[in-house]
Amino acid sequence: MIAYGWRSCVDILLAAGAQIETDEAISIMKSHDKYIGELKTDIFQDQLDVWDTSTTGETLLEVALLHGDEDIRDQALGLCLSGYDSGILCAVIQRFSGKELVTTVESILDNRSASRDGDILEGTAIVMAASMGQYPLLHLLLSTLPISMRCRAPRSDFERRNWGFQYWRWNYEDDASTFSTILKLCDESIFGRFIERGYKPVRSDLVDAIKKGNMTLVKALLKAKPIPV
């Protein structure tokens, strides 16, 4: 009912004690219906676990950061400081800009366990920073995160630049090499940082470097002994 904007029915159910589940709360947060939108401000006051994930893997906080107004966004940011989720990292990079972006990401990364392995959405966050030309942020991510070999690359410039579009959740190239994707987007100064951070290149990375005509990078990749896959 929430998804269809039947506000009167929703009000009756809530008054009768119905509980909003995570997927329903996310549906509310994504809704652009002006009546359903009034429910958004109450979401964080309910007994929902804001770190619980939906059927597509996203948390309520991730969606709130992208689809909420400034008040909801600020509430979500405050709650983000109680934990860590790499999807939230992607959402912040998609929504914020400038110095605010870097300081917000720093705060989020402060909650990340140093023993945590890198995951595909952290690789995606690195690609997002590179594709948007956010080099101070890119250097921060490369100095903080373990390098994930895989990422979810955007299928188009629209998906990369539209801040409300969560391409990393449902419309992406899932089997993209983080290094090769960065190779297409960045200047050459970035690549050495990947090797320094322990990135293990694969043969396709070497092929892409050869196609780019960057012999310095080719030598660096050969020295790093690409994995033959």
Protein backbone atom coordinates (compact mmCIF):
# COMPACT_ATOMS: atom_id res chain seq x y z
CA MET A 1 0.00 0.00 0.00
CA ILE A 2 2.87 2.33 0.76
CA ALA A 3 4.34 1.78 -2.68
CA TYR A 4 1.01 2.75 -4.29
CA GLY A 5 0.61 5.87 -2.17
CA TRP A 6 -2.58 4.77 -0.37
CA ARG A 7 -1.97 7.09 2.57
CA SER A 8 -5.41 6.70 4.21
CA CYS A 9 -5.03 2.92 4.35
CA VAL A 10 -1.50 3.26 5.67
CA ASP A 11 -2.67 5.63 8.42
CA ILE A 12 -5.39 3.19 9.50
CA LEU A 13 -2.93 0.29 9.66
CA LEU A 14 -0.36 2.30 11.62
CA ALA A 15 -3.02 3.52 14.06
CA ALA A 16 -4.00 -0.11 14.60
CA GLY A 17 -0.43 -0.95 15.60
CA ALA A 18 0.99 -2.22 12.32
CA GLN A 19 4.80 -2.17 12.18
CA ILE A 20 6.73 -0.86 9.21
CA GLU A 21 9.29 -3.38 7.98
CA THR A 22 12.67 -2.45 6.50
CA ASP A 23 11.64 -2.91 2.87
CA GLU A 24 8.51 -0.84 3.48
CA ALA A 25 10.51 1.91 5.18
CA ILE A 26 12.88 2.00 2.21
CA SER A 27 9.87 2.21 -0.13
CA ILE A 28 8.65 5.21 1.87
CA MET A 29 12.06 6.85 1.72
CA LYS A 30 12.26 6.44 -2.05
CA SER A 31 8.72 7.65 -2.64
CA HIS A 32 8.16 11.05 -4.27
CA ASP A 33 4.48 11.10 -3.35
CA LYS A 34 3.85 14.22 -1.23
CA TYR A 35 1.52 12.42 1.21
CA ILE A 36 3.68 9.37 1.70
CA GLY A 37 6.62 11.77 2.00
CA GLU A 38 5.18 13.03 5.28
CA LEU A 39 5.96 9.61 6.79
CA LYS A 40 9.67 9.98 6.09
CA THR A 41 10.31 12.20 9.09
CA ASP A 42 8.90 9.52 11.42
CA ILE A 43 11.01 6.67 10.08
CA PHE A 44 13.98 7.12 12.40
CA GLN A 45 11.71 7.47 15.43
CA ASP A 46 10.28 3.96 14.95
CA GLN A 47 11.81 0.78 16.33
CA LEU A 48 13.47 -0.13 13.04
CA ASP A 49 17.04 -1.34 12.94
CA VAL A 50 18.54 1.23 10.56
CA TRP A 51 21.41 -1.17 9.81
CA ASP A 52 19.06 -3.96 8.73
CA THR A 53 19.27 -4.65 4.99
CA SER A 54 16.51 -4.90 2.42
CA THR A 55 16.12 -7.70 -0.11
CA THR A 56 18.49 -5.77 -2.41
CA GLY A 57 21.15 -5.38 0.28
CA GLU A 58 20.69 -1.68 1.01
CA THR A 59 20.21 -0.22 4.49
CA LEU A 60 17.64 2.40 5.39
CA LEU A 61 20.51 4.79 6.09
CA GLU A 62 21.90 4.38 2.57
CA VAL A 63 18.54 5.20 1.02
CA ALA A 64 17.90 8.11 3.39
CA LEU A 65 21.21 9.70 2.44
CA LEU A 66 20.25 9.63 -1.24
CA HIS A 67 16.51 10.27 -1.15
CA GLY A 68 15.89 12.26 2.01
CA ASP A 69 15.67 16.04 2.30
CA GLU A 70 18.35 17.89 4.28
CA ASP A 71 16.78 17.15 7.68
CA ILE A 72 16.49 13.43 6.94
CA ARG A 73 19.97 13.39 5.43
CA ASP A 74 21.41 14.98 8.59
CA GLN A 75 19.57 12.47 10.80
CA ALA A 76 20.96 9.64 8.70
CA LEU A 77 24.48 11.04 8.90
CA GLY A 78 24.28 11.18 12.68
CA LEU A 79 23.20 7.54 12.82
CA CYS A 80 25.94 6.51 10.38
CA LEU A 81 28.53 7.30 13.03
CA SER A 82 27.36 4.32 15.08
CA GLY A 83 28.55 1.73 12.56
CA TYR A 84 29.91 1.11 9.07
CA ASP A 85 28.50 -0.13 5.77
CA SER A 86 30.19 0.18 2.39
CA GLY A 87 26.87 0.93 0.66
CA ILE A 88 26.64 4.07 2.79
CA LEU A 89 30.09 5.02 1.56
CA CYS A 90 28.82 4.85 -2.03
CA ALA A 91 25.71 6.87 -1.15
CA VAL A 92 27.75 9.66 0.46
CA ILE A 93 30.07 9.88 -2.55
CA GLN A 94 27.07 10.05 -4.87
CA ARG A 95 25.25 12.76 -2.90
CA PHE A 96 27.90 15.05 -1.40
CA SER A 97 30.59 17.22 -2.96
CA GLY A 98 33.64 19.34 -2.15
CA LYS A 99 35.15 19.56 1.33
CA GLU A 100 31.91 18.31 2.88
CA LEU A 101 32.32 15.07 0.95
CA VAL A 102 35.87 14.44 2.16
CA THR A 103 35.15 15.25 5.81
CA THR A 104 31.98 13.10 5.77
CA VAL A 105 33.83 10.13 4.28
CA GLU A 106 36.59 10.54 6.85
CA SER A 107 34.01 10.34 9.65
CA ILE A 108 32.45 7.21 8.13
CA LEU A 109 35.82 5.51 7.65
CA ASP A 110 36.66 6.17 11.31
CA ASN A 111 34.05 3.50 12.14
CA ARG A 112 35.55 0.91 9.81
CA SER A 113 37.39 -1.95 11.47
CA ALA A 114 41.02 -2.14 10.35
CA SER A 115 40.72 -5.94 10.19
CA ARG A 116 37.80 -5.84 7.75
CA ASP A 117 38.53 -7.20 4.27
CA GLY A 118 37.85 -5.00 1.25
CA ASP A 119 34.59 -5.67 -0.56
CA ILE A 120 33.11 -4.97 -3.97
CA LEU A 121 31.28 -1.82 -2.86
CA GLU A 122 34.49 -0.35 -1.46
CA GLY A 123 36.04 -0.99 -4.87
CA THR A 124 32.96 0.74 -6.30
CA ALA A 125 33.48 3.74 -4.00
CA ILE A 126 37.04 4.09 -5.31
CA VAL A 127 35.79 3.97 -8.90
CA MET A 128 33.09 6.54 -8.12
CA ALA A 129 35.62 8.96 -6.65
CA ALA A 130 37.83 8.57 -9.71
CA SER A 131 35.00 8.91 -12.22
CA MET A 132 33.83 12.14 -10.59
CA GLY A 133 37.32 13.63 -10.55
CA GLN A 134 37.32 13.74 -6.72
CA TYR A 135 41.07 13.25 -6.37
CA PRO A 136 41.48 14.33 -2.71
CA LEU A 137 38.79 11.78 -1.86
CA LEU A 138 40.39 9.16 -4.09
CA HIS A 139 43.71 9.57 -2.31
CA LEU A 140 41.91 9.26 1.05
CA LEU A 141 40.21 6.03 -0.02
CA LEU A 142 43.42 4.57 -1.43
CA SER A 143 45.30 5.35 1.77
CA THR A 144 42.57 3.89 4.02
CA LEU A 145 40.84 0.98 2.29
CA PRO A 146 42.31 -2.36 1.27
CA ILE A 147 42.09 -2.55 -2.48
CA SER A 148 39.20 -4.63 -3.76
CA MET A 149 39.98 -6.31 -7.08
CA ARG A 150 36.39 -6.07 -8.27
CA CYS A 151 33.88 -3.24 -8.47
CA ARG A 152 30.42 -2.44 -9.76
CA ALA A 153 31.04 -0.03 -12.61
CA PRO A 154 28.31 2.32 -13.89
CA ARG A 155 26.80 1.45 -17.24
CA SER A 156 26.47 5.09 -18.32
CA ASP A 157 27.42 8.66 -17.43
CA PHE A 158 23.82 9.23 -16.28
CA GLU A 159 24.09 6.48 -13.70
CA ARG A 160 27.45 7.81 -12.56
CA ARG A 161 26.37 11.44 -12.15
CA ASN A 162 22.73 11.26 -11.04
CA TRP A 163 22.92 11.47 -7.25
CA GLY A 164 19.64 9.62 -6.66
CA PHE A 165 20.53 6.66 -8.84
CA GLN A 166 21.88 3.66 -6.90
CA TYR A 167 23.39 1.86 -9.87
CA TRP A 168 25.62 -0.20 -7.53
CA ARG A 169 22.51 -1.98 -6.25
CA TRP A 170 20.71 -3.00 -9.41
CA ASN A 171 22.15 -1.78 -12.74
CA TYR A 172 25.87 -2.30 -12.91
CA GLU A 173 28.76 -4.20 -14.43
CA ASP A 174 29.31 -6.65 -11.58
CA ASP A 175 32.43 -8.31 -12.93
CA ALA A 176 34.52 -5.21 -13.57
CA SER A 177 38.17 -4.98 -12.59
CA THR A 178 38.71 -2.05 -10.22
CA PHE A 179 42.12 -1.34 -11.71
CA SER A 180 41.02 -1.51 -15.36
CA THR A 181 38.01 0.70 -14.65
CA ILE A 182 40.25 3.28 -12.96
CA LEU A 183 42.67 2.99 -15.87
CA LYS A 184 39.98 4.33 -18.18
CA LEU A 185 39.15 7.26 -15.90
CA CYS A 186 42.28 8.59 -14.19
CA ASP A 187 45.63 10.16 -14.93
CA GLU A 188 48.71 7.99 -14.53
CA SER A 189 49.67 9.25 -11.07
CA ILE A 190 46.96 7.14 -9.45
CA PHE A 191 48.05 3.70 -10.65
CA GLY A 192 51.20 3.42 -8.55
CA ARG A 193 49.10 3.88 -5.42
CA PHE A 194 47.12 0.77 -6.31
CA ILE A 195 50.28 -1.31 -6.54
CA GLU A 196 51.64 0.18 -3.30
CA ARG A 197 48.41 -0.69 -1.49
CA GLY A 198 48.80 -4.34 -2.45
CA TYR A 199 46.49 -4.58 -5.46
CA LYS A 200 47.13 -7.80 -7.34
CA PRO A 201 46.66 -7.11 -11.06
CA VAL A 202 45.23 -9.66 -13.46
CA ARG A 203 46.25 -10.26 -17.05
CA SER A 204 43.40 -8.12 -18.42
CA ASP A 205 44.85 -5.13 -16.50
CA LEU A 206 48.14 -5.63 -18.31
CA VAL A 207 46.34 -5.82 -21.65
CA ASP A 208 44.51 -2.57 -20.91
CA ALA A 209 47.76 -0.85 -19.95
CA ILE A 210 49.37 -1.99 -23.21
CA LYS A 211 46.38 -0.67 -25.18
CA LYS A 212 46.75 2.64 -23.37
CA GLY A 213 50.40 2.77 -24.47
CA ASN A 214 51.72 3.36 -20.97
CA MET A 215 54.99 1.42 -20.86
CA THR A 216 55.86 2.68 -17.37
CA LEU A 217 52.65 1.18 -16.09
CA VAL A 218 53.21 -2.00 -18.11
CA LYS A 219 56.60 -2.46 -16.42
CA ALA A 220 55.06 -1.84 -12.99
CA LEU A 221 52.34 -4.41 -13.65
CA LEU A 222 54.85 -7.00 -14.88
CA LYS A 223 56.91 -6.42 -11.74
CA ALA A 224 53.78 -7.01 -9.67
CA LYS A 225 53.34 -10.37 -11.44
CA PRO A 226 49.77 -10.31 -12.85
CA ILE A 227 47.56 -13.23 -11.93
CA PRO A 228 46.95 -15.32 -15.10
CA VAL A 229 43.13 -15.32 -15.25
